[in-house]
C-alpha atoms as a PDB file:
ATOM      1  CA  MET A   1      79.865 -21.154  67.294  1.00  0.00           C
ATOM      2  CA  ARG A   2      76.781 -19.285  66.078  1.00  0.00           C
ATOM      3  CA  ASP A   3      75.472 -19.722  62.537  1.00  0.00           C
ATOM      4  CA  GLU A   4      76.347 -16.133  61.593  1.00  0.00           C
ATOM      5  CA  VAL A   5      79.952 -16.707  62.568  1.00  0.00           C
ATOM      6  CA  LEU A   6      80.183 -20.056  60.787  1.00  0.00           C
ATOM      7  CA  ASN A   7      78.784 -18.418  57.668  1.00  0.00           C
ATOM      8  CA  ARG A   8      81.462 -15.715  57.898  1.00  0.00           C
ATOM      9  CA  VAL A   9      84.137 -18.414  58.176  1.00  0.00           C
ATOM     10  CA  ARG A  10      82.814 -20.186  55.086  1.00  0.00           C
ATOM     11  CA  VAL A  11      82.462 -17.089  52.930  1.00  0.00           C
ATOM     12  CA  LEU A  12      85.821 -15.707  53.978  1.00  0.00           C
ATOM     13  CA  PHE A  13      87.563 -18.971  53.159  1.00  0.00           C
ATOM     14  CA  SER A  14      86.009 -18.969  49.693  1.00  0.00           C
ATOM     15  CA  VAL A  15      87.032 -15.330  49.158  1.00  0.00           C
ATOM     16  CA  LEU A  16      90.574 -15.915  50.397  1.00  0.00           C
ATOM     17  CA  ASP A  17      90.812 -18.898  48.044  1.00  0.00           C
ATOM     18  CA  ALA A  18      91.184 -16.374  45.224  1.00  0.00           C
ATOM     19  CA  ASP A  19      92.045 -18.951  42.571  1.00  0.00           C
ATOM     20  CA  GLY A  20      89.224 -21.270  43.646  1.00  0.00           C
ATOM     21  CA  ASN A  21      91.313 -24.429  44.023  1.00  0.00           C
ATOM     22  CA  GLY A  22      89.915 -25.324  47.464  1.00  0.00           C
ATOM     23  CA  VAL A  23      92.957 -24.365  49.557  1.00  0.00           C
ATOM     24  CA  LEU A  24      94.593 -21.146  50.684  1.00  0.00           C
ATOM     25  CA  GLU A  25      98.089 -20.536  49.363  1.00  0.00           C
ATOM     26  CA  GLN A  26     100.486 -17.629  49.184  1.00  0.00           C
ATOM     27  CA  ALA A  27      99.467 -17.091  45.543  1.00  0.00           C
ATOM     28  CA  ASP A  28      95.869 -16.386  46.618  1.00  0.00           C
ATOM     29  CA  PHE A  29      96.979 -13.457  48.739  1.00  0.00           C
ATOM     30  CA  ALA A  30      99.235 -12.123  45.991  1.00  0.00           C
ATOM     31  CA  LEU A  31      96.302 -12.342  43.564  1.00  0.00           C
ATOM     32  CA  MET A  32      93.980 -10.460  45.943  1.00  0.00           C
ATOM     33  CA  GLY A  33      96.682  -7.849  46.493  1.00  0.00           C
ATOM     34  CA  SER A  34      97.024  -7.352  42.736  1.00  0.00           C
ATOM     35  CA  ARG A  35      93.270  -7.049  42.277  1.00  0.00           C
ATOM     36  CA  VAL A  36      92.948  -4.487  45.068  1.00  0.00           C
ATOM     37  CA  ASP A  37      95.953  -2.587  43.733  1.00  0.00           C
ATOM     38  CA  ALA A  38      94.275  -2.309  40.324  1.00  0.00           C
ATOM     39  CA  ALA A  39      90.930  -1.276  41.856  1.00  0.00           C
ATOM     40  CA  ALA A  40      92.601   1.418  43.966  1.00  0.00           C
ATOM     41  CA  TRP A  41      94.002   3.329  41.007  1.00  0.00           C
ATOM     42  CA  ARG A  42      93.052   6.672  42.633  1.00  0.00           C
ATOM     43  CA  SER A  43      95.259   5.968  45.649  1.00  0.00           C
ATOM     44  CA  THR A  44      98.968   6.639  45.822  1.00  0.00           C
ATOM     45  CA  PRO A  45     101.443   3.918  44.882  1.00  0.00           C
ATOM     46  CA  ALA A  46     102.706   3.931  48.488  1.00  0.00           C
ATOM     47  CA  GLU A  47      99.194   3.340  49.869  1.00  0.00           C
ATOM     48  CA  ARG A  48      98.612   0.509  47.401  1.00  0.00           C
ATOM     49  CA  GLU A  49     101.951  -1.080  48.305  1.00  0.00           C
ATOM     50  CA  VAL A  50     101.043  -1.033  52.009  1.00  0.00           C
ATOM     51  CA  VAL A  51      97.951  -3.113  51.242  1.00  0.00           C
ATOM     52  CA  ARG A  52      99.960  -5.569  49.141  1.00  0.00           C
ATOM     53  CA  VAL A  53     102.365  -5.951  52.079  1.00  0.00           C
ATOM     54  CA  GLU A  54      99.450  -6.515  54.447  1.00  0.00           C
ATOM     55  CA  PHE A  55      98.066  -9.238  52.172  1.00  0.00           C
ATOM     56  CA  ARG A  56     101.499 -10.922  52.372  1.00  0.00           C
ATOM     57  CA  ASN A  57     101.550 -10.469  56.143  1.00  0.00           C
ATOM     58  CA  TRP A  58      98.055 -11.935  56.394  1.00  0.00           C
ATOM     59  CA  TRP A  59      99.177 -15.023  54.482  1.00  0.00           C
ATOM     60  CA  GLU A  60     102.291 -15.390  56.647  1.00  0.00           C
ATOM     61  CA  ALA A  61     100.287 -15.107  59.872  1.00  0.00           C
ATOM     62  CA  LEU A  62      97.749 -17.676  58.680  1.00  0.00           C
ATOM     63  CA  ALA A  63     100.418 -20.059  57.397  1.00  0.00           C
ATOM     64  CA  ALA A  64     102.420 -19.850  60.623  1.00  0.00           C
ATOM     65  CA  ALA A  65      99.364 -20.563  62.751  1.00  0.00           C
ATOM     66  CA  LEU A  66      97.217 -22.827  60.577  1.00  0.00           C
ATOM     67  CA  ASP A  67      99.358 -24.788  58.131  1.00  0.00           C
ATOM     68  CA  THR A  68      99.573 -27.712  60.518  1.00  0.00           C
ATOM     69  CA  ASP A  69     101.103 -30.125  58.038  1.00  0.00           C
ATOM     70  CA  GLY A  70     103.613 -27.628  56.623  1.00  0.00           C
ATOM     71  CA  ASP A  71     102.645 -28.099  52.978  1.00  0.00           C
ATOM     72  CA  GLY A  72     102.221 -24.375  52.209  1.00  0.00           C
ATOM     73  CA  ARG A  73      98.487 -24.878  51.831  1.00  0.00           C
ATOM     74  CA  ILE A  74      95.674 -24.335  54.290  1.00  0.00           C
ATOM     75  CA  ASP A  75      92.589 -26.440  53.795  1.00  0.00           C
ATOM     76  CA  PHE A  76      89.198 -25.593  55.248  1.00  0.00           C
ATOM     77  CA  ASP A  77      89.636 -27.883  58.260  1.00  0.00           C
ATOM     78  CA  GLU A  78      92.943 -26.249  59.191  1.00  0.00           C
ATOM     79  CA  TYR A  79      91.410 -22.817  58.625  1.00  0.00           C
ATOM     80  CA  SER A  80      88.069 -23.178  60.356  1.00  0.00           C
ATOM     81  CA  GLY A  81      89.427 -24.550  63.596  1.00  0.00           C
ATOM     82  CA  VAL A  82      91.135 -21.387  64.794  1.00  0.00           C
ATOM     83  CA  VAL A  83      90.848 -18.559  62.278  1.00  0.00           C
ATOM     84  CA  LEU A  84      88.437 -16.580  64.424  1.00  0.00           C
ATOM     85  CA  SER A  85      90.656 -16.628  67.489  1.00  0.00           C
ATOM     86  CA  PRO A  86      90.879 -12.911  68.206  1.00  0.00           C
ATOM     87  CA  GLU A  87      93.948 -13.300  70.367  1.00  0.00           C
ATOM     88  CA  ARG A  88      95.857 -14.906  67.498  1.00  0.00           C
ATOM     89  CA  PHE A  89      94.929 -12.646  64.610  1.00  0.00           C
ATOM     90  CA  ALA A  90      93.717  -9.331  66.037  1.00  0.00           C
ATOM     91  CA  ASP A  91      96.950  -7.493  65.214  1.00  0.00           C
ATOM     92  CA  THR A  92      97.050  -8.874  61.659  1.00  0.00           C
ATOM     93  CA  VAL A  93      93.413  -7.978  61.038  1.00  0.00           C
ATOM     94  CA  ALA A  94      93.827  -4.497  62.532  1.00  0.00           C
ATOM     95  CA  ALA A  95      96.916  -3.819  60.385  1.00  0.00           C
ATOM     96  CA  PHE A  96      95.060  -4.983  57.285  1.00  0.00           C
ATOM     97  CA  ALA A  97      92.043  -2.776  58.103  1.00  0.00           C
ATOM     98  CA  ARG A  98      94.316   0.248  58.659  1.00  0.00           C
ATOM     99  CA  ALA A  99      96.062  -0.366  55.330  1.00  0.00           C
ATOM    100  CA  LEU A 100      92.859  -0.899  53.362  1.00  0.00           C
ATOM    101  CA  ALA A 101      91.002   2.165  54.661  1.00  0.00           C
ATOM    102  CA  PRO A 102      93.101   4.829  52.890  1.00  0.00           C
ATOM    103  CA  LEU A 103      92.437   3.113  49.574  1.00  0.00           C
ATOM    104  CA  GLY A 104      88.753   3.767  50.121  1.00  0.00           C
ATOM    105  CA  ASP A 105      89.411   7.435  50.800  1.00  0.00           C
ATOM    106  CA  PRO A 106      91.807   8.637  48.104  1.00  0.00           C
ATOM    107  CA  GLU A 107      90.655  12.235  48.615  1.00  0.00           C
ATOM    108  CA  GLY A 108      91.474  12.134  52.338  1.00  0.00           C
ATOM    109  CA  ARG A 109      87.963  13.244  53.369  1.00  0.00           C
ATOM    110  CA  GLY A 110      87.533  10.632  56.089  1.00  0.00           C
ATOM    111  CA  THR A 111      84.721   9.023  54.122  1.00  0.00           C
ATOM    112  CA  ILE A 112      84.359   6.372  51.438  1.00  0.00           C
ATOM    113  CA  ALA A 113      82.068   6.648  48.409  1.00  0.00           C
ATOM    114  CA  ARG A 114      79.921   3.644  47.502  1.00  0.00           C
ATOM    115  CA  ASP A 115      81.573   3.128  44.104  1.00  0.00           C
ATOM    116  CA  VAL A 116      85.051   3.006  45.639  1.00  0.00           C
ATOM    117  CA  PHE A 117      83.888   0.663  48.423  1.00  0.00           C
ATOM    118  CA  LEU A 118      82.236  -1.601  45.868  1.00  0.00           C
ATOM    119  CA  ALA A 119      85.344  -1.652  43.661  1.00  0.00           C
ATOM    120  CA  LEU A 120      87.670  -2.557  46.533  1.00  0.00           C
ATOM    121  CA  MET A 121      85.437  -5.157  48.140  1.00  0.00           C
ATOM    122  CA  THR A 122      84.664  -6.886  44.847  1.00  0.00           C
ATOM    123  CA  ALA A 123      88.389  -6.834  44.035  1.00  0.00           C
ATOM    124  CA  ILE A 124      88.936  -8.757  47.256  1.00  0.00           C
ATOM    125  CA  GLY A 125      86.335 -11.231  46.040  1.00  0.00           C
ATOM    126  CA  PHE A 126      83.019 -10.410  47.686  1.00  0.00           C
ATOM    127  CA  ALA A 127      79.782 -10.465  45.663  1.00  0.00           C
ATOM    128  CA  PRO A 128      78.614  -6.978  44.605  1.00  0.00           C
ATOM    129  CA  ASP A 129      75.085  -7.372  45.971  1.00  0.00           C
ATOM    130  CA  ARG A 130      76.514  -8.413  49.345  1.00  0.00           C
ATOM    131  CA  VAL A 131      78.929  -5.485  49.326  1.00  0.00           C
ATOM    132  CA  ASP A 132      76.057  -3.076  48.703  1.00  0.00           C
ATOM    133  CA  ALA A 133      74.201  -4.571  51.672  1.00  0.00           C
ATOM    134  CA  VAL A 134      77.247  -4.063  53.906  1.00  0.00           C
ATOM    135  CA  PHE A 135      77.607  -0.474  52.722  1.00  0.00           C
ATOM    136  CA  ASP A 136      73.944   0.170  53.532  1.00  0.00           C
ATOM    137  CA  ALA A 137      74.363  -1.444  56.964  1.00  0.00           C
ATOM    138  CA  LEU A 138      77.233   0.943  57.699  1.00  0.00           C
ATOM    139  CA  GLY A 139      74.832   3.885  57.466  1.00  0.00           C
ATOM    140  CA  PRO A 140      75.776   5.945  54.432  1.00  0.00           C
ATOM    141  CA  SER A 141      75.290   9.698  54.489  1.00  0.00           C
ATOM    142  CA  ALA A 142      72.944  11.602  52.186  1.00  0.00           C
ATOM    143  CA  ASP A 143      75.781  11.852  49.652  1.00  0.00           C
ATOM    144  CA  ASP A 144      76.218   8.042  49.770  1.00  0.00           C
ATOM    145  CA  ARG A 145      79.445   7.877  51.757  1.00  0.00           C
ATOM    146  CA  ILE A 146      80.440   5.973  54.899  1.00  0.00           C
ATOM    147  CA  GLU A 147      83.009   6.876  57.526  1.00  0.00           C
ATOM    148  CA  VAL A 148      86.473   5.360  57.083  1.00  0.00           C
ATOM    149  CA  THR A 149      86.466   4.448  60.779  1.00  0.00           C
ATOM    150  CA  ALA A 150      83.190   2.544  60.326  1.00  0.00           C
ATOM    151  CA  TRP A 151      84.784   0.406  57.623  1.00  0.00           C
ATOM    152  CA  GLU A 152      87.885  -0.250  59.700  1.00  0.00           C
ATOM    153  CA  GLY A 153      85.692  -1.307  62.612  1.00  0.00           C
ATOM    154  CA  ALA A 154      83.569  -3.524  60.365  1.00  0.00           C
ATOM    155  CA  VAL A 155      86.666  -5.354  59.129  1.00  0.00           C
ATOM    156  CA  ARG A 156      87.787  -6.027  62.720  1.00  0.00           C
ATOM    157  CA  ASP A 157      84.251  -7.057  63.758  1.00  0.00           C
ATOM    158  CA  PHE A 158      84.064  -9.561  60.889  1.00  0.00           C
ATOM    159  CA  PHE A 159      86.907 -11.522  62.516  1.00  0.00           C
ATOM    160  CA  THR A 160      85.480 -11.431  66.032  1.00  0.00           C
ATOM    161  CA  PRO A 161      83.466 -14.572  66.776  1.00  0.00           C
ATOM    162  CA  ASP A 162      81.383 -13.092  69.577  1.00  0.00           C
ATOM    163  CA  LYS A 163      80.114 -10.302  67.308  1.00  0.00           C
ATOM    164  CA  VAL A 164      76.771 -11.036  65.676  1.00  0.00           C
ATOM    165  CA  GLY A 165      74.307  -8.792  63.926  1.00  0.00           C
ATOM    166  CA  ILE A 166      77.193  -6.881  62.361  1.00  0.00           C
ATOM    167  CA  ALA A 167      77.440  -5.253  58.949  1.00  0.00           C
ATOM    168  CA  GLY A 168      79.804  -7.990  57.764  1.00  0.00           C
ATOM    169  CA  ASP A 169      77.157 -10.626  58.289  1.00  0.00           C
ATOM    170  CA  HIS A 170      75.654  -9.356  55.028  1.00  0.00           C
ATOM    171  CA  LEU A 171      78.688 -10.774  53.196  1.00  0.00           C
ATOM    172  CA  ALA A 172      77.761 -14.334  54.116  1.00  0.00           C
ATOM    173  CA  ASP A 173      74.884 -16.426  52.911  1.00  0.00           C
ATOM    174  CA  PRO A 174      72.009 -16.676  55.372  1.00  0.00           C
ATOM    175  CA  PRO A 175      71.943 -19.850  57.474  1.00  0.00           C
ATOM    176  CA  ALA A 176      70.434 -22.835  55.730  1.00  0.00           C
ATOM    177  CA  ALA A 177      66.827 -23.478  56.734  1.00  0.00           C
END
């Protein structure tokens, strides 16, 4: 696997480990869902609930596929071995991306403002400077907005191991020299 992809795996694991205890658990996904819900205060309650459900679904899909010892926890070894298997998680990732996108576009314009993007992505757990770099890589307009469809595509690309040079690569640390 290429360095860019390995870096995405590492950073995503650390983000998904919302409580920082070194393993992924159901509580991590509930915590992320709560953080995103709070950050998406301009969205409707129904839209925010859809994202909370998708966080739960994401946990359930990961646990079913990766919790090899059945302890309700996924360590990095369990996670890194197969998390970027597009055939196993493409539907879960696509559903999550579709649920997250409306939160970025509470006005229904088809675009996402930088401040809303930053609030949602940092609520998930990504570093603000990295989020800004991703936003810039997605080609903001003159009024500092990106297309909702570009964000949805970037989320899916982030989980595709044969994709390199993507906007999401800005979320991960550069390869060690």
